[in-house]
């Protein structure tokens, strides 16, 4: 496994999908599945619909109505907005983060 930070400790684990031994940069707790790089990449591609957009493709994930703090347009977000915290439409979220 290629490590982007050689000082980061790695922990032995068994991939929940293929059963191969792997190493992960966190201590597996046993209450969540752990995946090897290949299975993780494969699953990540399914979430984004293989289009490389990033994020989830939607599916059954609940969406919440909100108003963009920059342009004032209605939008939907995959989390319950909190009072006093700004929410941005897709366009402004991407533009302001780049």
N, C-alpha and C. Protein backbone atom coordinates (compact mmCIF):
# COMPACT_ATOMS: atom_id res chain seq x y z
N UNK A 1 0.84 -1.18 0.00
CA UNK A 1 0.00 0.00 0.00
C UNK A 1 0.88 1.23 0.00
N UNK A 2 0.61 2.17 -0.90
CA UNK A 2 1.37 3.41 -0.94
C UNK A 2 0.89 4.32 0.17
N UNK A 3 1.83 4.86 0.90
CA UNK A 3 1.47 5.74 2.00
C UNK A 3 1.86 7.16 1.66
N UNK A 4 0.90 8.07 1.74
CA UNK A 4 1.19 9.46 1.45
C UNK A 4 1.88 10.13 2.63
N UNK A 5 1.87 9.49 3.77
CA UNK A 5 2.52 10.04 4.95
C UNK A 5 3.18 8.89 5.68
N UNK A 6 4.49 8.73 5.53
CA UNK A 6 5.19 7.57 6.08
C UNK A 6 5.20 7.57 7.61
N UNK A 7 4.91 8.71 8.24
CA UNK A 7 4.87 8.77 9.70
C UNK A 7 3.55 8.29 10.28
N UNK A 8 2.55 8.14 9.45
CA UNK A 8 1.22 7.73 9.91
C UNK A 8 1.22 6.24 10.20
N UNK A 9 0.76 5.84 11.38
CA UNK A 9 0.73 4.41 11.69
C UNK A 9 -0.33 3.69 10.85
N UNK A 10 -0.01 2.46 10.46
CA UNK A 10 -0.92 1.64 9.68
C UNK A 10 -1.34 0.44 10.53
N UNK A 11 -2.56 -0.02 10.33
CA UNK A 11 -3.10 -1.12 11.11
C UNK A 11 -3.54 -2.25 10.18
N UNK A 12 -3.29 -3.48 10.61
CA UNK A 12 -3.69 -4.66 9.84
C UNK A 12 -5.19 -4.83 9.94
N UNK A 13 -5.79 -5.25 8.80
CA UNK A 13 -7.24 -5.48 8.76
C UNK A 13 -7.54 -6.49 7.67
N UNK A 14 -8.75 -7.00 7.67
CA UNK A 14 -9.24 -7.90 6.63
C UNK A 14 -10.36 -7.18 5.89
N UNK A 15 -10.26 -7.14 4.57
CA UNK A 15 -11.26 -6.47 3.75
C UNK A 15 -12.62 -7.14 3.94
N UNK A 16 -13.63 -6.35 4.21
CA UNK A 16 -14.98 -6.87 4.44
C UNK A 16 -15.63 -7.39 3.17
N UNK A 17 -15.12 -6.98 2.01
CA UNK A 17 -15.73 -7.41 0.75
C UNK A 17 -15.04 -8.64 0.16
N UNK A 18 -13.70 -8.56 -0.02
CA UNK A 18 -13.00 -9.66 -0.71
C UNK A 18 -12.28 -10.61 0.25
N UNK A 19 -12.09 -10.20 1.50
CA UNK A 19 -11.44 -11.06 2.48
C UNK A 19 -9.93 -11.01 2.47
N UNK A 20 -9.33 -10.19 1.61
CA UNK A 20 -7.87 -10.07 1.57
C UNK A 20 -7.36 -9.27 2.76
N UNK A 21 -6.14 -9.59 3.15
CA UNK A 21 -5.49 -8.82 4.22
C UNK A 21 -5.08 -7.47 3.64
N UNK A 22 -5.19 -6.42 4.43
CA UNK A 22 -4.83 -5.07 3.99
C UNK A 22 -4.35 -4.27 5.19
N UNK A 23 -3.90 -3.07 4.93
CA UNK A 23 -3.53 -2.15 6.00
C UNK A 23 -4.30 -0.87 5.80
N UNK A 24 -4.74 -0.28 6.91
CA UNK A 24 -5.52 0.95 6.87
C UNK A 24 -4.92 1.96 7.84
N UNK A 25 -5.12 3.27 7.59
CA UNK A 25 -4.52 4.30 8.44
C UNK A 25 -5.35 4.65 9.66
N UNK A 26 -6.14 3.70 10.15
CA UNK A 26 -6.93 3.91 11.35
C UNK A 26 -7.09 2.57 12.05
N UNK A 27 -7.36 2.61 13.33
CA UNK A 27 -7.57 1.39 14.11
C UNK A 27 -8.99 0.89 13.86
N UNK A 28 -9.17 -0.23 13.17
CA UNK A 28 -10.53 -0.75 12.96
C UNK A 28 -11.21 -1.06 14.28
N UNK A 29 -12.45 -0.63 14.40
CA UNK A 29 -13.18 -0.81 15.65
C UNK A 29 -14.00 -2.10 15.67
N UNK A 30 -14.25 -2.66 14.49
CA UNK A 30 -15.04 -3.88 14.41
C UNK A 30 -16.51 -3.63 14.19
N UNK A 31 -16.99 -2.40 14.38
CA UNK A 31 -18.41 -2.11 14.19
C UNK A 31 -18.72 -1.53 12.82
N UNK A 32 -17.67 -1.30 12.00
CA UNK A 32 -17.86 -0.79 10.64
C UNK A 32 -17.00 -1.61 9.69
N UNK A 33 -17.47 -1.78 8.45
CA UNK A 33 -16.67 -2.54 7.48
C UNK A 33 -15.39 -1.82 7.11
N UNK A 34 -14.37 -2.59 6.77
CA UNK A 34 -13.08 -2.07 6.33
C UNK A 34 -12.81 -2.66 4.95
N UNK A 35 -12.29 -1.85 4.03
CA UNK A 35 -12.07 -2.32 2.67
C UNK A 35 -10.62 -2.11 2.23
N UNK A 36 -10.14 -3.02 1.39
CA UNK A 36 -8.81 -2.84 0.79
C UNK A 36 -8.91 -1.73 -0.26
N UNK A 37 -7.77 -1.28 -0.76
CA UNK A 37 -7.77 -0.19 -1.75
C UNK A 37 -8.61 -0.52 -2.97
N UNK A 38 -8.48 -1.73 -3.49
CA UNK A 38 -9.21 -2.10 -4.71
C UNK A 38 -10.72 -2.08 -4.49
N UNK A 39 -11.18 -2.69 -3.42
CA UNK A 39 -12.62 -2.72 -3.15
C UNK A 39 -13.15 -1.33 -2.82
N UNK A 40 -12.35 -0.53 -2.10
CA UNK A 40 -12.77 0.83 -1.78
C UNK A 40 -12.95 1.65 -3.06
N UNK A 41 -11.98 1.56 -3.98
CA UNK A 41 -12.07 2.29 -5.25
C UNK A 41 -13.28 1.83 -6.05
N UNK A 42 -13.52 0.52 -6.06
CA UNK A 42 -14.66 -0.03 -6.79
C UNK A 42 -15.97 0.50 -6.21
N UNK A 43 -16.09 0.51 -4.91
CA UNK A 43 -17.30 1.01 -4.26
C UNK A 43 -17.45 2.51 -4.46
N UNK A 44 -16.36 3.24 -4.40
CA UNK A 44 -16.39 4.69 -4.59
C UNK A 44 -16.90 5.01 -5.99
N UNK A 45 -16.47 4.24 -6.98
CA UNK A 45 -16.94 4.43 -8.35
C UNK A 45 -18.43 4.20 -8.48
N UNK A 46 -18.99 3.27 -7.73
CA UNK A 46 -20.42 3.00 -7.76
C UNK A 46 -21.20 4.14 -7.13
N UNK A 47 -20.66 4.75 -6.08
CA UNK A 47 -21.34 5.86 -5.40
C UNK A 47 -21.48 7.06 -6.32
N UNK A 48 -20.47 7.32 -7.11
CA UNK A 48 -20.48 8.49 -7.98
C UNK A 48 -21.05 8.18 -9.35
N UNK A 49 -21.52 6.97 -9.54
CA UNK A 49 -22.05 6.58 -10.84
C UNK A 49 -20.97 6.40 -11.87
N UNK A 50 -19.70 6.29 -11.40
CA UNK A 50 -18.59 6.09 -12.31
C UNK A 50 -18.22 7.33 -13.10
N UNK A 51 -18.89 8.44 -12.86
CA UNK A 51 -18.64 9.65 -13.65
C UNK A 51 -17.52 10.49 -13.08
N UNK A 52 -17.00 10.13 -11.93
CA UNK A 52 -15.91 10.88 -11.34
C UNK A 52 -16.31 12.23 -10.79
N UNK A 53 -17.57 12.43 -10.50
CA UNK A 53 -18.05 13.71 -10.01
C UNK A 53 -17.68 13.94 -8.56
N UNK A 54 -17.51 12.89 -7.82
CA UNK A 54 -17.27 13.01 -6.38
C UNK A 54 -18.60 13.00 -5.66
N UNK A 55 -18.61 12.55 -4.42
CA UNK A 55 -19.85 12.52 -3.64
C UNK A 55 -20.70 11.33 -3.98
N UNK A 56 -21.92 11.35 -3.51
CA UNK A 56 -22.86 10.26 -3.71
C UNK A 56 -23.78 10.57 -4.87
N UNK A 57 -24.31 9.54 -5.46
CA UNK A 57 -25.19 9.72 -6.61
C UNK A 57 -26.62 10.03 -6.19
N UNK A 58 -26.90 10.04 -4.91
CA UNK A 58 -28.25 10.36 -4.46
C UNK A 58 -28.94 9.12 -3.94
N UNK A 59 -29.53 8.34 -4.82
CA UNK A 59 -30.19 7.11 -4.40
C UNK A 59 -31.26 7.37 -3.35
N UNK A 60 -31.19 6.64 -2.24
CA UNK A 60 -32.18 6.76 -1.18
C UNK A 60 -31.78 7.76 -0.10
N UNK A 61 -30.71 8.48 -0.33
CA UNK A 61 -30.23 9.43 0.67
C UNK A 61 -31.21 10.60 0.79
N UNK A 62 -31.67 10.92 1.99
CA UNK A 62 -32.63 12.02 2.14
C UNK A 62 -31.97 13.37 1.84
N UNK A 63 -32.72 14.25 1.21
CA UNK A 63 -32.25 15.59 0.89
C UNK A 63 -33.12 16.59 1.65
N UNK A 64 -32.52 17.73 2.00
CA UNK A 64 -33.21 18.74 2.77
C UNK A 64 -33.22 20.07 2.01
N UNK A 65 -34.32 20.78 2.07
CA UNK A 65 -34.44 22.08 1.42
C UNK A 65 -33.63 23.11 2.19
N UNK A 66 -33.01 24.01 1.44
CA UNK A 66 -32.21 25.09 2.03
C UNK A 66 -32.16 26.25 1.05
N UNK A 67 -31.59 27.37 1.49
CA UNK A 67 -31.41 28.55 0.65
C UNK A 67 -29.92 28.88 0.65
N UNK A 68 -29.35 29.07 -0.54
CA UNK A 68 -27.93 29.37 -0.67
C UNK A 68 -27.61 30.70 0.00
N UNK A 69 -26.60 30.71 0.85
CA UNK A 69 -26.19 31.91 1.57
C UNK A 69 -25.56 32.95 0.66
N UNK A 70 -25.10 32.54 -0.53
CA UNK A 70 -24.47 33.49 -1.45
C UNK A 70 -25.47 34.10 -2.42
N UNK A 71 -26.26 33.25 -3.10
CA UNK A 71 -27.14 33.77 -4.15
C UNK A 71 -28.61 33.82 -3.76
N UNK A 72 -28.98 33.18 -2.65
CA UNK A 72 -30.37 33.22 -2.20
C UNK A 72 -31.30 32.27 -2.92
N UNK A 73 -30.76 31.43 -3.81
CA UNK A 73 -31.58 30.48 -4.56
C UNK A 73 -31.89 29.25 -3.72
N UNK A 74 -33.07 28.66 -3.90
CA UNK A 74 -33.38 27.41 -3.20
C UNK A 74 -32.46 26.30 -3.69
N UNK A 75 -32.08 25.41 -2.79
CA UNK A 75 -31.22 24.28 -3.14
C UNK A 75 -31.57 23.12 -2.22
N UNK A 76 -30.98 21.98 -2.46
CA UNK A 76 -31.14 20.83 -1.58
C UNK A 76 -29.77 20.33 -1.18
N UNK A 77 -29.66 19.91 0.08
CA UNK A 77 -28.40 19.41 0.61
C UNK A 77 -28.63 18.07 1.30
N UNK A 78 -27.58 17.22 1.38
CA UNK A 78 -27.73 15.88 1.97
C UNK A 78 -27.56 15.87 3.49
N UNK A 79 -27.87 16.98 4.17
CA UNK A 79 -27.79 17.06 5.62
C UNK A 79 -28.84 18.05 6.11
N UNK A 80 -29.21 17.95 7.36
CA UNK A 80 -30.18 18.87 7.95
C UNK A 80 -29.46 20.18 8.26
N UNK A 81 -29.81 21.27 7.58
CA UNK A 81 -29.15 22.55 7.85
C UNK A 81 -29.36 22.99 9.30
N UNK A 82 -28.33 23.61 9.86
CA UNK A 82 -28.39 24.10 11.23
C UNK A 82 -28.59 25.61 11.22
N UNK A 83 -29.38 26.12 12.13
CA UNK A 83 -29.61 27.56 12.23
C UNK A 83 -28.28 28.28 12.48
N UNK A 84 -28.07 29.37 11.77
CA UNK A 84 -26.86 30.16 11.96
C UNK A 84 -25.66 29.68 11.17
N UNK A 85 -25.76 28.58 10.46
CA UNK A 85 -24.64 28.08 9.66
C UNK A 85 -25.01 28.21 8.18
N UNK A 86 -24.14 28.80 7.38
CA UNK A 86 -24.47 29.00 5.96
C UNK A 86 -24.52 27.69 5.19
N UNK A 87 -25.39 27.67 4.20
CA UNK A 87 -25.52 26.55 3.27
C UNK A 87 -25.38 27.14 1.88
N UNK A 88 -24.71 26.42 0.98
CA UNK A 88 -24.46 26.92 -0.36
C UNK A 88 -25.03 25.98 -1.41
N UNK A 89 -25.46 26.56 -2.53
CA UNK A 89 -25.89 25.75 -3.66
C UNK A 89 -24.65 25.09 -4.25
N UNK A 90 -24.85 24.13 -5.12
CA UNK A 90 -23.73 23.38 -5.71
C UNK A 90 -22.72 24.32 -6.38
N UNK A 91 -23.21 25.27 -7.14
CA UNK A 91 -22.34 26.18 -7.88
C UNK A 91 -21.44 26.99 -6.93
N UNK A 92 -22.03 27.57 -5.90
CA UNK A 92 -21.24 28.39 -4.99
C UNK A 92 -20.39 27.55 -4.04
N UNK A 93 -20.83 26.39 -3.69
CA UNK A 93 -20.02 25.51 -2.84
C UNK A 93 -18.73 25.15 -3.58
N UNK A 94 -18.86 24.74 -4.85
CA UNK A 94 -17.68 24.37 -5.63
C UNK A 94 -16.79 25.58 -5.89
N UNK A 95 -17.37 26.69 -6.29
CA UNK A 95 -16.59 27.87 -6.65
C UNK A 95 -15.85 28.45 -5.44
N UNK A 96 -16.51 28.51 -4.32
CA UNK A 96 -15.90 29.10 -3.11
C UNK A 96 -14.85 28.20 -2.49
N UNK A 97 -14.88 26.90 -2.77
CA UNK A 97 -13.91 25.97 -2.21
C UNK A 97 -12.67 25.84 -3.08
N UNK A 98 -12.73 26.25 -4.31
CA UNK A 98 -11.59 26.12 -5.24
C UNK A 98 -10.63 27.27 -5.08
